C-alpha cells in the first residue's frame, strides 16, 4: 500500500486494537462451535458489529481473551489499469457497520456480504480437529477485472498464555531449520517498549529480500526486514505453558509478518480475479496443537497443499463443507 492508504488503515486498527485488548467474556448463548476432543471453541464475538471471531483454548481462566480474529481485517484489490489498490472492505471496531447474518453449518460459522465494486464475499471459518480454517470466496459481478485481490485474516494472540510482544517465542522456518522470527534484532529483548513499538517484523517468502534491514515509515511504524527468506509460509508461536503451538499458514504468500504489540500472525494469500462472474477462493489456517514446533511443521506440510488458491482456473468452486 502507499503511505496514504497505510495511514488510514493504521488509524482504524489502532482504535480496534485498544477495544480488542479489553474484550469481555463471551455470552453464554454466543454463536459458537466446539471441539470436544481438543476443548477448543470457535465463536462469533458479538461485541463487534462487523465480523470478529474468538478462539478459546481449554483450561484458561474466565475473561481470558484467547485468540481474537478479525475476519477479515480488510479486503483490498487492484483494479486492472489502476495505479493504486483500493479497499473494498475495512474493519471498523465497536457497533459501527452492518452486522452480518451468521449461519452455523456443522462445525463452520459463515456469513455473506456485498462489497463495493460488484464483489460478493462469502466468508467461512471451520473448526477442525487441529485449528481453524478460514475461507473467503470472492465473486466479481462487475465488468472490471482485478489484477490482485486479498482478504486479510488477522488472528491476534491476546491471551497472556500466548502473547509475545518481544517475539521471544515466535518462530519461522528457513531451509536450515527453525529460527526466531526476530533473531536478527537481539537488542529488542532489552529495548524500551516505546522504542521497540510500533513495528512490523517481516520475512519474505515469494517476495525478494528487502535491502533495508530497518526502515522507518511515514506513518511512524518501523519495518524490520529479515535478511533470509522462509521456505514455508507460516508464523508459529509457542505458549508460555501448556505446550501449545499456534501457527498461521497459507499455501502461498509474498511474506509472513507480525505486529508484535498484538502478536498477530500473517501469511496472507492473494490472487487475480477476472470479471463477469469469475470467482476465487482464498484460504488460510491457524493451527492449534499441543506439541512441538516440529509437530506443527509436519502438520503444515501435510495440509498446506490442500489450501486454495492453486491457479485461477482451479478456484471457480464453492467453499468446501
C-alpha atoms as a PDB file:
ATOM      1  CA  UNK A   1       0.000   0.000   0.000  1.00  0.00           C
ATOM      2  CA  UNK A   2       1.043   3.563  -0.485  1.00  0.00           C
ATOM      3  CA  UNK A   3       1.671   5.735   2.597  1.00  0.00           C
ATOM      4  CA  UNK A   4      -1.751   7.445   2.497  1.00  0.00           C
ATOM      5  CA  UNK A   5      -3.551   4.131   2.460  1.00  0.00           C
ATOM      6  CA  UNK A   6      -1.334   2.747   5.240  1.00  0.00           C
ATOM      7  CA  UNK A   7      -2.006   5.787   7.421  1.00  0.00           C
ATOM      8  CA  UNK A   8      -5.775   5.373   7.123  1.00  0.00           C
ATOM      9  CA  UNK A   9      -5.553   1.679   7.917  1.00  0.00           C
ATOM     10  CA  UNK A  10      -3.269   2.346  10.898  1.00  0.00           C
ATOM     11  CA  UNK A  11      -5.713   4.825  12.476  1.00  0.00           C
ATOM     12  CA  UNK A  12      -8.602   2.369  12.273  1.00  0.00           C
ATOM     13  CA  UNK A  13      -6.563  -0.567  13.533  1.00  0.00           C
ATOM     14  CA  UNK A  14      -5.090   1.316  16.489  1.00  0.00           C
ATOM     15  CA  UNK A  15      -8.616   2.019  17.718  1.00  0.00           C
ATOM     16  CA  UNK A  16      -9.594  -1.581  17.055  1.00  0.00           C
ATOM     17  CA  UNK A  17      -6.571  -2.861  18.967  1.00  0.00           C
ATOM     18  CA  UNK A  18      -7.488  -0.818  22.029  1.00  0.00           C
ATOM     19  CA  UNK A  19     -11.010  -2.210  22.038  1.00  0.00           C
ATOM     20  CA  UNK A  20      -9.955  -5.781  21.387  1.00  0.00           C
ATOM     21  CA  UNK A  21      -7.449  -5.670  24.228  1.00  0.00           C
ATOM     22  CA  UNK A  22     -10.377  -5.074  26.628  1.00  0.00           C
ATOM     23  CA  UNK A  23     -12.610  -7.746  25.118  1.00  0.00           C
ATOM     24  CA  UNK A  24     -15.102  -9.214  27.605  1.00  0.00           C
ATOM     25  CA  UNK A  25     -16.067 -12.863  28.156  1.00  0.00           C
ATOM     26  CA  UNK A  26     -18.342 -14.403  25.558  1.00  0.00           C
ATOM     27  CA  UNK A  27     -22.051 -14.578  26.460  1.00  0.00           C
ATOM     28  CA  UNK A  28     -23.489 -17.990  27.264  1.00  0.00           C
ATOM     29  CA  UNK A  29     -25.625 -18.012  24.102  1.00  0.00           C
ATOM     30  CA  UNK A  30     -22.879 -16.994  21.682  1.00  0.00           C
ATOM     31  CA  UNK A  31     -22.928 -18.372  18.136  1.00  0.00           C
ATOM     32  CA  UNK A  32     -20.223 -20.991  18.524  1.00  0.00           C
ATOM     33  CA  UNK A  33     -18.903 -24.425  17.659  1.00  0.00           C
ATOM     34  CA  UNK A  34     -16.839 -26.612  19.978  1.00  0.00           C
ATOM     35  CA  UNK A  35     -14.408 -29.478  19.521  1.00  0.00           C
ATOM     36  CA  UNK A  36     -14.829 -31.877  22.442  1.00  0.00           C
ATOM     37  CA  UNK A  37     -11.556 -33.717  21.787  1.00  0.00           C
ATOM     38  CA  UNK A  38      -9.280 -30.661  21.874  1.00  0.00           C
ATOM     39  CA  UNK A  39     -11.503 -28.470  24.040  1.00  0.00           C
ATOM     40  CA  UNK A  40     -11.163 -25.554  21.607  1.00  0.00           C
ATOM     41  CA  UNK A  41     -14.170 -23.284  20.978  1.00  0.00           C
ATOM     42  CA  UNK A  42     -14.721 -21.021  17.954  1.00  0.00           C
ATOM     43  CA  UNK A  43     -17.308 -18.292  18.478  1.00  0.00           C
ATOM     44  CA  UNK A  44     -18.652 -15.076  16.984  1.00  0.00           C
ATOM     45  CA  UNK A  45     -17.766 -12.115  19.189  1.00  0.00           C
ATOM     46  CA  UNK A  46     -20.948 -10.052  19.120  1.00  0.00           C
ATOM     47  CA  UNK A  47     -19.343  -7.093  20.893  1.00  0.00           C
ATOM     48  CA  UNK A  48     -18.478  -6.001  17.360  1.00  0.00           C
ATOM     49  CA  UNK A  49     -20.979  -5.417  14.576  1.00  0.00           C
ATOM     50  CA  UNK A  50     -18.506  -6.378  11.871  1.00  0.00           C
ATOM     51  CA  UNK A  51     -17.150  -9.936  11.784  1.00  0.00           C
ATOM     52  CA  UNK A  52     -14.854 -10.876  14.661  1.00  0.00           C
ATOM     53  CA  UNK A  53     -14.226 -14.410  15.923  1.00  0.00           C
ATOM     54  CA  UNK A  54     -12.849 -15.648  19.222  1.00  0.00           C
ATOM     55  CA  UNK A  55     -10.879 -18.868  19.625  1.00  0.00           C
ATOM     56  CA  UNK A  56     -10.796 -20.110  23.207  1.00  0.00           C
ATOM     57  CA  UNK A  57      -8.351 -22.724  24.469  1.00  0.00           C
ATOM     58  CA  UNK A  58      -9.353 -25.154  27.227  1.00  0.00           C
ATOM     59  CA  UNK A  59      -8.345 -24.596  30.827  1.00  0.00           C
ATOM     60  CA  UNK A  60      -7.965 -20.816  30.619  1.00  0.00           C
ATOM     61  CA  UNK A  61      -9.468 -18.547  33.293  1.00  0.00           C
ATOM     62  CA  UNK A  62     -12.721 -16.683  32.747  1.00  0.00           C
ATOM     63  CA  UNK A  63     -12.113 -13.458  30.887  1.00  0.00           C
ATOM     64  CA  UNK A  64      -9.044 -14.714  29.052  1.00  0.00           C
ATOM     65  CA  UNK A  65      -9.263 -13.036  25.622  1.00  0.00           C
ATOM     66  CA  UNK A  66      -7.941 -16.098  23.789  1.00  0.00           C
ATOM     67  CA  UNK A  67      -7.215 -15.593  20.093  1.00  0.00           C
ATOM     68  CA  UNK A  68      -9.253 -12.757  18.584  1.00  0.00           C
ATOM     69  CA  UNK A  69      -9.632 -12.995  14.800  1.00  0.00           C
ATOM     70  CA  UNK A  70     -10.748 -10.043  12.672  1.00  0.00           C
ATOM     71  CA  UNK A  71     -12.476 -11.893   9.861  1.00  0.00           C
ATOM     72  CA  UNK A  72     -11.279 -10.187   7.662  1.00  0.00           C
ATOM     73  CA  UNK A  73      -9.338  -7.109   8.650  1.00  0.00           C
ATOM     74  CA  UNK A  74      -9.682  -5.755   5.130  1.00  0.00           C
ATOM     75  CA  UNK A  75     -10.380  -6.757   1.532  1.00  0.00           C
ATOM     76  CA  UNK A  76      -8.067  -4.907  -0.832  1.00  0.00           C
ATOM     77  CA  UNK A  77      -7.999  -5.119  -4.627  1.00  0.00           C
ATOM     78  CA  UNK A  78      -6.037  -3.653  -7.517  1.00  0.00           C
ATOM     79  CA  UNK A  79      -8.364  -2.938 -10.471  1.00  0.00           C
ATOM     80  CA  UNK A  80      -6.750  -3.634 -13.829  1.00  0.00           C
ATOM     81  CA  UNK A  81      -5.069  -0.483 -15.095  1.00  0.00           C
ATOM     82  CA  UNK A  82      -5.222   1.306 -11.726  1.00  0.00           C
ATOM     83  CA  UNK A  83      -2.130   2.755 -10.102  1.00  0.00           C
ATOM     84  CA  UNK A  84      -3.116   2.016  -6.505  1.00  0.00           C
ATOM     85  CA  UNK A  85      -5.117  -0.667  -4.706  1.00  0.00           C
ATOM     86  CA  UNK A  86      -8.487   0.155  -3.186  1.00  0.00           C
ATOM     87  CA  UNK A  87     -10.192  -1.055  -0.043  1.00  0.00           C
ATOM     88  CA  UNK A  88     -13.418  -2.881  -0.778  1.00  0.00           C
ATOM     89  CA  UNK A  89     -13.840  -3.524   2.938  1.00  0.00           C
ATOM     90  CA  UNK A  90     -12.122  -2.228   6.066  1.00  0.00           C
ATOM     91  CA  UNK A  91     -12.931  -3.430   9.575  1.00  0.00           C
ATOM     92  CA  UNK A  92     -14.408  -0.840  11.936  1.00  0.00           C
ATOM     93  CA  UNK A  93     -14.424  -1.501  15.685  1.00  0.00           C
ATOM     94  CA  UNK A  94     -17.389  -1.371  18.043  1.00  0.00           C
ATOM     95  CA  UNK A  95     -21.010  -1.192  16.954  1.00  0.00           C
ATOM     96  CA  UNK A  96     -20.302   0.583  13.655  1.00  0.00           C
ATOM     97  CA  UNK A  97     -21.232  -1.210  10.465  1.00  0.00           C
ATOM     98  CA  UNK A  98     -23.989  -3.609   9.499  1.00  0.00           C
ATOM     99  CA  UNK A  99     -23.951  -6.860  11.432  1.00  0.00           C
ATOM    100  CA  UNK A 100     -23.965  -9.853   9.055  1.00  0.00           C
ATOM    101  CA  UNK A 101     -26.419 -12.732   9.306  1.00  0.00           C
ATOM    102  CA  UNK A 102     -24.284 -15.568  10.661  1.00  0.00           C
ATOM    103  CA  UNK A 103     -25.037 -19.197   9.834  1.00  0.00           C
ATOM    104  CA  UNK A 104     -23.836 -22.304  11.642  1.00  0.00           C
ATOM    105  CA  UNK A 105     -23.269 -25.242   9.303  1.00  0.00           C
ATOM    106  CA  UNK A 106     -21.799 -28.272  11.019  1.00  0.00           C
ATOM    107  CA  UNK A 107     -18.540 -27.017  12.515  1.00  0.00           C
ATOM    108  CA  UNK A 108     -18.473 -23.840  10.405  1.00  0.00           C
ATOM    109  CA  UNK A 109     -19.515 -20.230  11.047  1.00  0.00           C
ATOM    110  CA  UNK A 110     -20.392 -18.383   7.849  1.00  0.00           C
ATOM    111  CA  UNK A 111     -21.773 -15.090   6.550  1.00  0.00           C
ATOM    112  CA  UNK A 112     -22.162 -13.242   3.237  1.00  0.00           C
ATOM    113  CA  UNK A 113     -21.553  -9.601   2.392  1.00  0.00           C
ATOM    114  CA  UNK A 114     -21.868  -7.373  -0.668  1.00  0.00           C
ATOM    115  CA  UNK A 115     -18.754  -5.276  -1.205  1.00  0.00           C
ATOM    116  CA  UNK A 116     -18.243  -2.199  -3.379  1.00  0.00           C
ATOM    117  CA  UNK A 117     -17.108  -2.766  -6.940  1.00  0.00           C
ATOM    118  CA  UNK A 118     -19.597  -5.554  -7.584  1.00  0.00           C
ATOM    119  CA  UNK A 119     -17.780  -8.114  -5.407  1.00  0.00           C
ATOM    120  CA  UNK A 120     -19.737 -10.635  -3.335  1.00  0.00           C
ATOM    121  CA  UNK A 121     -17.999 -12.164  -0.315  1.00  0.00           C
ATOM    122  CA  UNK A 122     -18.816 -15.448   1.390  1.00  0.00           C
ATOM    123  CA  UNK A 123     -16.647 -15.970   4.467  1.00  0.00           C
ATOM    124  CA  UNK A 124     -16.459 -19.262   6.337  1.00  0.00           C
ATOM    125  CA  UNK A 125     -14.443 -20.267   9.402  1.00  0.00           C
ATOM    126  CA  UNK A 126     -14.320 -24.005  10.129  1.00  0.00           C
ATOM    127  CA  UNK A 127     -13.200 -25.569  13.390  1.00  0.00           C
ATOM    128  CA  UNK A 128     -11.002 -28.538  12.509  1.00  0.00           C
ATOM    129  CA  UNK A 129      -9.595 -31.025  14.999  1.00  0.00           C
ATOM    130  CA  UNK A 130      -6.295 -29.114  14.928  1.00  0.00           C
ATOM    131  CA  UNK A 131      -7.251 -25.490  14.370  1.00  0.00           C
ATOM    132  CA  UNK A 132      -9.404 -23.090  12.364  1.00  0.00           C
ATOM    133  CA  UNK A 133      -9.513 -22.861   8.569  1.00  0.00           C
ATOM    134  CA  UNK A 134     -10.595 -19.532   7.074  1.00  0.00           C
ATOM    135  CA  UNK A 135     -12.080 -19.345   3.587  1.00  0.00           C
ATOM    136  CA  UNK A 136     -13.134 -16.322   1.515  1.00  0.00           C
ATOM    137  CA  UNK A 137     -14.995 -16.886  -1.730  1.00  0.00           C
ATOM    138  CA  UNK A 138     -14.989 -13.673  -3.778  1.00  0.00           C
ATOM    139  CA  UNK A 139     -17.256 -13.383  -6.829  1.00  0.00           C
ATOM    140  CA  UNK A 140     -16.722 -10.446  -9.190  1.00  0.00           C
ATOM    141  CA  UNK A 141     -20.058  -9.491 -10.720  1.00  0.00           C
ATOM    142  CA  UNK A 142     -18.659  -6.356 -12.348  1.00  0.00           C
ATOM    143  CA  UNK A 143     -17.015  -5.889 -15.724  1.00  0.00           C
ATOM    144  CA  UNK A 144     -13.737  -4.727 -14.157  1.00  0.00           C
ATOM    145  CA  UNK A 145     -11.068  -7.394 -13.577  1.00  0.00           C
ATOM    146  CA  UNK A 146      -8.758  -7.199 -10.572  1.00  0.00           C
ATOM    147  CA  UNK A 147      -5.080  -7.865 -11.095  1.00  0.00           C
ATOM    148  CA  UNK A 148      -4.871  -8.853  -7.444  1.00  0.00           C
ATOM    149  CA  UNK A 149      -7.326  -9.252  -4.553  1.00  0.00           C
ATOM    150  CA  UNK A 150      -6.638 -10.088  -0.939  1.00  0.00           C
ATOM    151  CA  UNK A 151      -8.817 -10.773   2.113  1.00  0.00           C
ATOM    152  CA  UNK A 152      -6.558 -10.370   5.140  1.00  0.00           C
ATOM    153  CA  UNK A 153      -7.304 -12.525   8.175  1.00  0.00           C
ATOM    154  CA  UNK A 154      -5.957 -11.041  11.413  1.00  0.00           C
ATOM    155  CA  UNK A 155      -5.541 -13.599  14.240  1.00  0.00           C
ATOM    156  CA  UNK A 156      -4.315 -11.828  17.365  1.00  0.00           C
ATOM    157  CA  UNK A 157      -2.821 -13.889  20.185  1.00  0.00           C
ATOM    158  CA  UNK A 158      -4.084 -11.714  23.048  1.00  0.00           C
ATOM    159  CA  UNK A 159      -4.197 -14.367  25.770  1.00  0.00           C
ATOM    160  CA  UNK A 160      -1.360 -13.981  28.335  1.00  0.00           C
ATOM    161  CA  UNK A 161      -0.646 -17.645  27.612  1.00  0.00           C
ATOM    162  CA  UNK A 162       0.334 -16.754  24.040  1.00  0.00           C
ATOM    163  CA  UNK A 163       1.093 -13.015  23.854  1.00  0.00           C
ATOM    164  CA  UNK A 164       4.692 -12.354  22.755  1.00  0.00           C
ATOM    165  CA  UNK A 165       5.481  -8.651  22.419  1.00  0.00           C
ATOM    166  CA  UNK A 166       9.269  -9.244  22.450  1.00  0.00           C
ATOM    167  CA  UNK A 167       8.995 -12.059  19.871  1.00  0.00           C
ATOM    168  CA  UNK A 168      10.888 -14.382  22.209  1.00  0.00           C
ATOM    169  CA  UNK A 169       8.660 -17.399  21.408  1.00  0.00           C
ATOM    170  CA  UNK A 170       7.686 -16.671  17.797  1.00  0.00           C
ATOM    171  CA  UNK A 171       9.361 -18.670  15.034  1.00  0.00           C
ATOM    172  CA  UNK A 172       9.657 -19.054  11.281  1.00  0.00           C
ATOM    173  CA  UNK A 173      11.301 -21.798   9.258  1.00  0.00           C
ATOM    174  CA  UNK A 174      14.287 -21.356   6.928  1.00  0.00           C
ATOM    175  CA  UNK A 175      15.973 -24.041   4.792  1.00  0.00           C
ATOM    176  CA  UNK A 176      18.399 -24.607   7.699  1.00  0.00           C
ATOM    177  CA  UNK A 177      15.577 -25.093  10.215  1.00  0.00           C
ATOM    178  CA  UNK A 178      13.576 -23.112  12.781  1.00  0.00           C
ATOM    179  CA  UNK A 179      14.734 -19.683  13.875  1.00  0.00           C
ATOM    180  CA  UNK A 180      13.179 -16.939  15.954  1.00  0.00           C
ATOM    181  CA  UNK A 181      11.398 -14.578  13.615  1.00  0.00           C
ATOM    182  CA  UNK A 182      13.247 -11.603  15.134  1.00  0.00           C
ATOM    183  CA  UNK A 183      16.614 -13.316  15.706  1.00  0.00           C
ATOM    184  CA  UNK A 184      18.422 -10.612  13.723  1.00  0.00           C
ATOM    185  CA  UNK A 185      17.295  -7.956  16.225  1.00  0.00           C
ATOM    186  CA  UNK A 186      18.659  -9.252  19.553  1.00  0.00           C
ATOM    187  CA  UNK A 187      18.517  -5.765  21.103  1.00  0.00           C
ATOM    188  CA  UNK A 188      14.701  -5.982  21.089  1.00  0.00           C
ATOM    189  CA  UNK A 189      14.773  -8.044  24.292  1.00  0.00           C
ATOM    190  CA  UNK A 190      16.094  -5.110  26.340  1.00  0.00           C
ATOM    191  CA  UNK A 191      14.859  -2.221  24.197  1.00  0.00           C
ATOM    192  CA  UNK A 192      12.334   0.141  25.866  1.00  0.00           C
ATOM    193  CA  UNK A 193       8.885  -0.680  24.534  1.00  0.00           C
ATOM    194  CA  UNK A 194       8.454   2.907  23.366  1.00  0.00           C
ATOM    195  CA  UNK A 195      11.455   2.341  21.114  1.00  0.00           C
ATOM    196  CA  UNK A 196      10.545  -1.197  20.036  1.00  0.00           C
ATOM    197  CA  UNK A 197       6.908  -0.376  19.201  1.00  0.00           C
ATOM    198  CA  UNK A 198       5.127   0.203  16.922  1.00  0.00           C
ATOM    199  CA  UNK A 199       6.684  -2.051  14.318  1.00  0.00           C
ATOM    200  CA  UNK A 200       6.059  -4.756  11.760  1.00  0.00           C
ATOM    201  CA  UNK A 201       8.529  -7.621  11.564  1.00  0.00           C
ATOM    202  CA  UNK A 202       8.563  -9.044   8.038  1.00  0.00           C
ATOM    203  CA  UNK A 203      10.164 -12.100   6.468  1.00  0.00           C
ATOM    204  CA  UNK A 204       9.913 -12.789   2.706  1.00  0.00           C
ATOM    205  CA  UNK A 205       8.581 -15.978   1.165  1.00  0.00           C
ATOM    206  CA  UNK A 206       7.930 -15.271  -2.547  1.00  0.00           C
ATOM    207  CA  UNK A 207       8.997 -11.630  -2.431  1.00  0.00           C
ATOM    208  CA  UNK A 208      12.676 -10.621  -2.679  1.00  0.00           C
ATOM    209  CA  UNK A 209      14.665  -9.882   0.450  1.00  0.00           C
ATOM    210  CA  UNK A 210      14.338  -6.194   1.322  1.00  0.00           C
ATOM    211  CA  UNK A 211      17.671  -4.382   1.120  1.00  0.00           C
ATOM    212  CA  UNK A 212      16.780  -2.244   4.151  1.00  0.00           C
ATOM    213  CA  UNK A 213      17.013  -4.172   7.418  1.00  0.00           C
ATOM    214  CA  UNK A 214      15.271  -1.374   9.348  1.00  0.00           C
ATOM    215  CA  UNK A 215      13.021   1.124   7.582  1.00  0.00           C
ATOM    216  CA  UNK A 216      11.102   3.888   9.339  1.00  0.00           C
ATOM    217  CA  UNK A 217       7.803   4.514   7.545  1.00  0.00           C
ATOM    218  CA  UNK A 218       5.995   7.861   7.082  1.00  0.00           C
ATOM    219  CA  UNK A 219       3.190   6.683   9.385  1.00  0.00           C
ATOM    220  CA  UNK A 220       5.662   6.221  12.261  1.00  0.00           C
ATOM    221  CA  UNK A 221       5.815   2.423  12.095  1.00  0.00           C
ATOM    222  CA  UNK A 222       9.233   0.797  11.837  1.00  0.00           C
ATOM    223  CA  UNK A 223       9.631  -2.130   9.450  1.00  0.00           C
ATOM    224  CA  UNK A 224      12.179  -4.757  10.424  1.00  0.00           C
ATOM    225  CA  UNK A 225      13.072  -6.908   7.432  1.00  0.00           C
ATOM    226  CA  UNK A 226      14.793 -10.236   7.920  1.00  0.00           C
ATOM    227  CA  UNK A 227      17.718 -10.945   5.600  1.00  0.00           C
ATOM    228  CA  UNK A 228      16.713 -14.547   4.834  1.00  0.00           C
ATOM    229  CA  UNK A 229      13.585 -15.909   3.189  1.00  0.00           C
ATOM    230  CA  UNK A 230      11.454 -18.599   4.796  1.00  0.00           C
ATOM    231  CA  UNK A 231      10.837 -21.876   2.975  1.00  0.00           C
ATOM    232  CA  UNK A 232       7.310 -22.361   4.387  1.00  0.00           C
ATOM    233  CA  UNK A 233       4.759 -19.516   4.626  1.00  0.00           C
ATOM    234  CA  UNK A 234       3.851 -19.610   8.319  1.00  0.00           C
ATOM    235  CA  UNK A 235       4.494 -17.993  11.693  1.00  0.00           C
ATOM    236  CA  UNK A 236       4.425 -20.140  14.862  1.00  0.00           C
ATOM    237  CA  UNK A 237       4.216 -19.021  18.494  1.00  0.00           C
ATOM    238  CA  UNK A 238       4.886 -21.267  21.474  1.00  0.00           C
ATOM    239  CA  UNK A 239       2.776 -20.794  24.587  1.00  0.00           C
ATOM    240  CA  UNK A 240       4.210 -19.724  27.933  1.00  0.00           C
ATOM    241  CA  UNK A 241       2.992 -23.009  29.449  1.00  0.00           C
ATOM    242  CA  UNK A 242       0.900 -25.994  28.468  1.00  0.00           C
ATOM    243  CA  UNK A 243       2.836 -26.999  25.371  1.00  0.00           C
ATOM    244  CA  UNK A 244       0.619 -25.201  22.827  1.00  0.00           C
ATOM    245  CA  UNK A 245       1.868 -24.124  19.408  1.00  0.00           C
ATOM    246  CA  UNK A 246      -0.218 -21.651  17.394  1.00  0.00           C
ATOM    247  CA  UNK A 247       0.816 -21.332  13.736  1.00  0.00           C
ATOM    248  CA  UNK A 248      -0.913 -19.453  10.927  1.00  0.00           C
ATOM    249  CA  UNK A 249      -0.123 -20.527   7.359  1.00  0.00           C
ATOM    250  CA  UNK A 250      -1.327 -20.396   3.760  1.00  0.00           C
ATOM    251  CA  UNK A 251      -0.473 -22.142   0.520  1.00  0.00           C
ATOM    252  CA  UNK A 252       1.437 -19.110  -0.758  1.00  0.00           C
ATOM    253  CA  UNK A 253       2.274 -15.594   0.396  1.00  0.00           C
ATOM    254  CA  UNK A 254       4.552 -12.725  -0.524  1.00  0.00           C
ATOM    255  CA  UNK A 255       5.866 -12.567   3.018  1.00  0.00           C
ATOM    256  CA  UNK A 256       4.966 -13.503   6.568  1.00  0.00           C
ATOM    257  CA  UNK A 257       4.801 -10.805   9.197  1.00  0.00           C
ATOM    258  CA  UNK A 258       3.615  -9.763  12.624  1.00  0.00           C
ATOM    259  CA  UNK A 259       2.735  -6.705  14.645  1.00  0.00           C
ATOM    260  CA  UNK A 260       4.358  -7.792  17.931  1.00  0.00           C
ATOM    261  CA  UNK A 261       2.195  -5.485  20.047  1.00  0.00           C
ATOM    262  CA  UNK A 262      -0.766  -7.667  19.037  1.00  0.00           C
ATOM    263  CA  UNK A 263       1.215 -10.869  18.423  1.00  0.00           C
ATOM    264  CA  UNK A 264      -0.765 -11.265  15.210  1.00  0.00           C
ATOM    265  CA  UNK A 265       0.210 -13.851  12.616  1.00  0.00           C
ATOM    266  CA  UNK A 266       0.035 -13.055   8.897  1.00  0.00           C
ATOM    267  CA  UNK A 267       0.632 -15.289   5.892  1.00  0.00           C
ATOM    268  CA  UNK A 268      -1.829 -13.560   3.609  1.00  0.00           C
ATOM    269  CA  UNK A 269      -2.701 -15.212   0.275  1.00  0.00           C
ATOM    270  CA  UNK A 270      -3.849 -13.252  -2.772  1.00  0.00           C
ATOM    271  CA  UNK A 271      -4.894 -13.955  -6.357  1.00  0.00           C
ATOM    272  CA  UNK A 272      -6.122 -12.241  -9.513  1.00  0.00           C
ATOM    273  CA  UNK A 273      -9.893 -12.084 -10.030  1.00  0.00           C
ATOM    274  CA  UNK A 274     -11.362 -11.862 -13.513  1.00  0.00           C
ATOM    275  CA  UNK A 275     -14.593 -10.009 -14.349  1.00  0.00           C
ATOM    276  CA  UNK A 276     -18.166 -11.006 -15.214  1.00  0.00           C
ATOM    277  CA  UNK A 277     -18.917 -13.674 -12.635  1.00  0.00           C
ATOM    278  CA  UNK A 278     -15.445 -15.084 -12.073  1.00  0.00           C
ATOM    279  CA  UNK A 279     -14.613 -16.234  -8.562  1.00  0.00           C
ATOM    280  CA  UNK A 280     -11.625 -17.029  -6.420  1.00  0.00           C
ATOM    281  CA  UNK A 281     -11.234 -18.837  -3.107  1.00  0.00           C
ATOM    282  CA  UNK A 282      -8.609 -17.627  -0.630  1.00  0.00           C
ATOM    283  CA  UNK A 283      -7.805 -19.882   2.315  1.00  0.00           C
ATOM    284  CA  UNK A 284      -5.610 -19.689   5.384  1.00  0.00           C
ATOM    285  CA  UNK A 285      -5.423 -21.709   8.601  1.00  0.00           C
ATOM    286  CA  UNK A 286      -4.492 -21.175  12.228  1.00  0.00           C
ATOM    287  CA  UNK A 287      -3.067 -24.451  13.507  1.00  0.00           C
ATOM    288  CA  UNK A 288      -3.659 -25.100  17.219  1.00  0.00           C
ATOM    289  CA  UNK A 289      -1.748 -28.095  18.575  1.00  0.00           C
ATOM    290  CA  UNK A 290      -0.283 -29.389  21.784  1.00  0.00           C
ATOM    291  CA  UNK A 291       3.192 -30.489  20.805  1.00  0.00           C
ATOM    292  CA  UNK A 292       6.462 -29.209  19.416  1.00  0.00           C
ATOM    293  CA  UNK A 293       7.422 -26.895  16.590  1.00  0.00           C
ATOM    294  CA  UNK A 294       8.403 -29.995  14.603  1.00  0.00           C
ATOM    295  CA  UNK A 295       4.913 -31.421  15.141  1.00  0.00           C
ATOM    296  CA  UNK A 296       3.425 -28.185  13.828  1.00  0.00           C
ATOM    297  CA  UNK A 297       5.749 -28.156  10.814  1.00  0.00           C
ATOM    298  CA  UNK A 298       4.820 -31.733   9.882  1.00  0.00           C
ATOM    299  CA  UNK A 299       1.122 -30.846  10.046  1.00  0.00           C
ATOM    300  CA  UNK A 300       1.610 -27.688   7.974  1.00  0.00           C
ATOM    301  CA  UNK A 301       3.463 -29.625   5.299  1.00  0.00           C
ATOM    302  CA  UNK A 302       0.655 -32.193   5.135  1.00  0.00           C
ATOM    303  CA  UNK A 303      -2.082 -29.575   4.857  1.00  0.00           C
ATOM    304  CA  UNK A 304      -0.570 -26.646   3.004  1.00  0.00           C
ATOM    305  CA  UNK A 305      -1.210 -28.147  -0.442  1.00  0.00           C
ATOM    306  CA  UNK A 306      -4.921 -28.522   0.350  1.00  0.00           C
ATOM    307  CA  UNK A 307      -5.406 -24.759   0.765  1.00  0.00           C
ATOM    308  CA  UNK A 308      -6.643 -22.506  -2.034  1.00  0.00           C
ATOM    309  CA  UNK A 309      -5.897 -20.726  -4.289  1.00  0.00           C
ATOM    310  CA  UNK A 310      -3.999 -23.004  -6.628  1.00  0.00           C
ATOM    311  CA  UNK A 311      -4.362 -21.404 -10.052  1.00  0.00           C
ATOM    312  CA  UNK A 312      -7.106 -19.041 -11.139  1.00  0.00           C
ATOM    313  CA  UNK A 313      -8.863 -21.613 -13.307  1.00  0.00           C
ATOM    314  CA  UNK A 314      -8.981 -24.092 -10.435  1.00  0.00           C
ATOM    315  CA  UNK A 315     -10.628 -21.731  -7.949  1.00  0.00           C
ATOM    316  CA  UNK A 316     -14.072 -21.328  -9.577  1.00  0.00           C
ATOM    317  CA  UNK A 317     -15.637 -23.529  -6.952  1.00  0.00           C
ATOM    318  CA  UNK A 318     -17.678 -23.177  -3.793  1.00  0.00           C
ATOM    319  CA  UNK A 319     -16.251 -23.121  -0.301  1.00  0.00           C
ATOM    320  CA  UNK A 320     -15.621 -26.671   0.921  1.00  0.00           C
ATOM    321  CA  UNK A 321     -18.023 -28.029   3.504  1.00  0.00           C
END
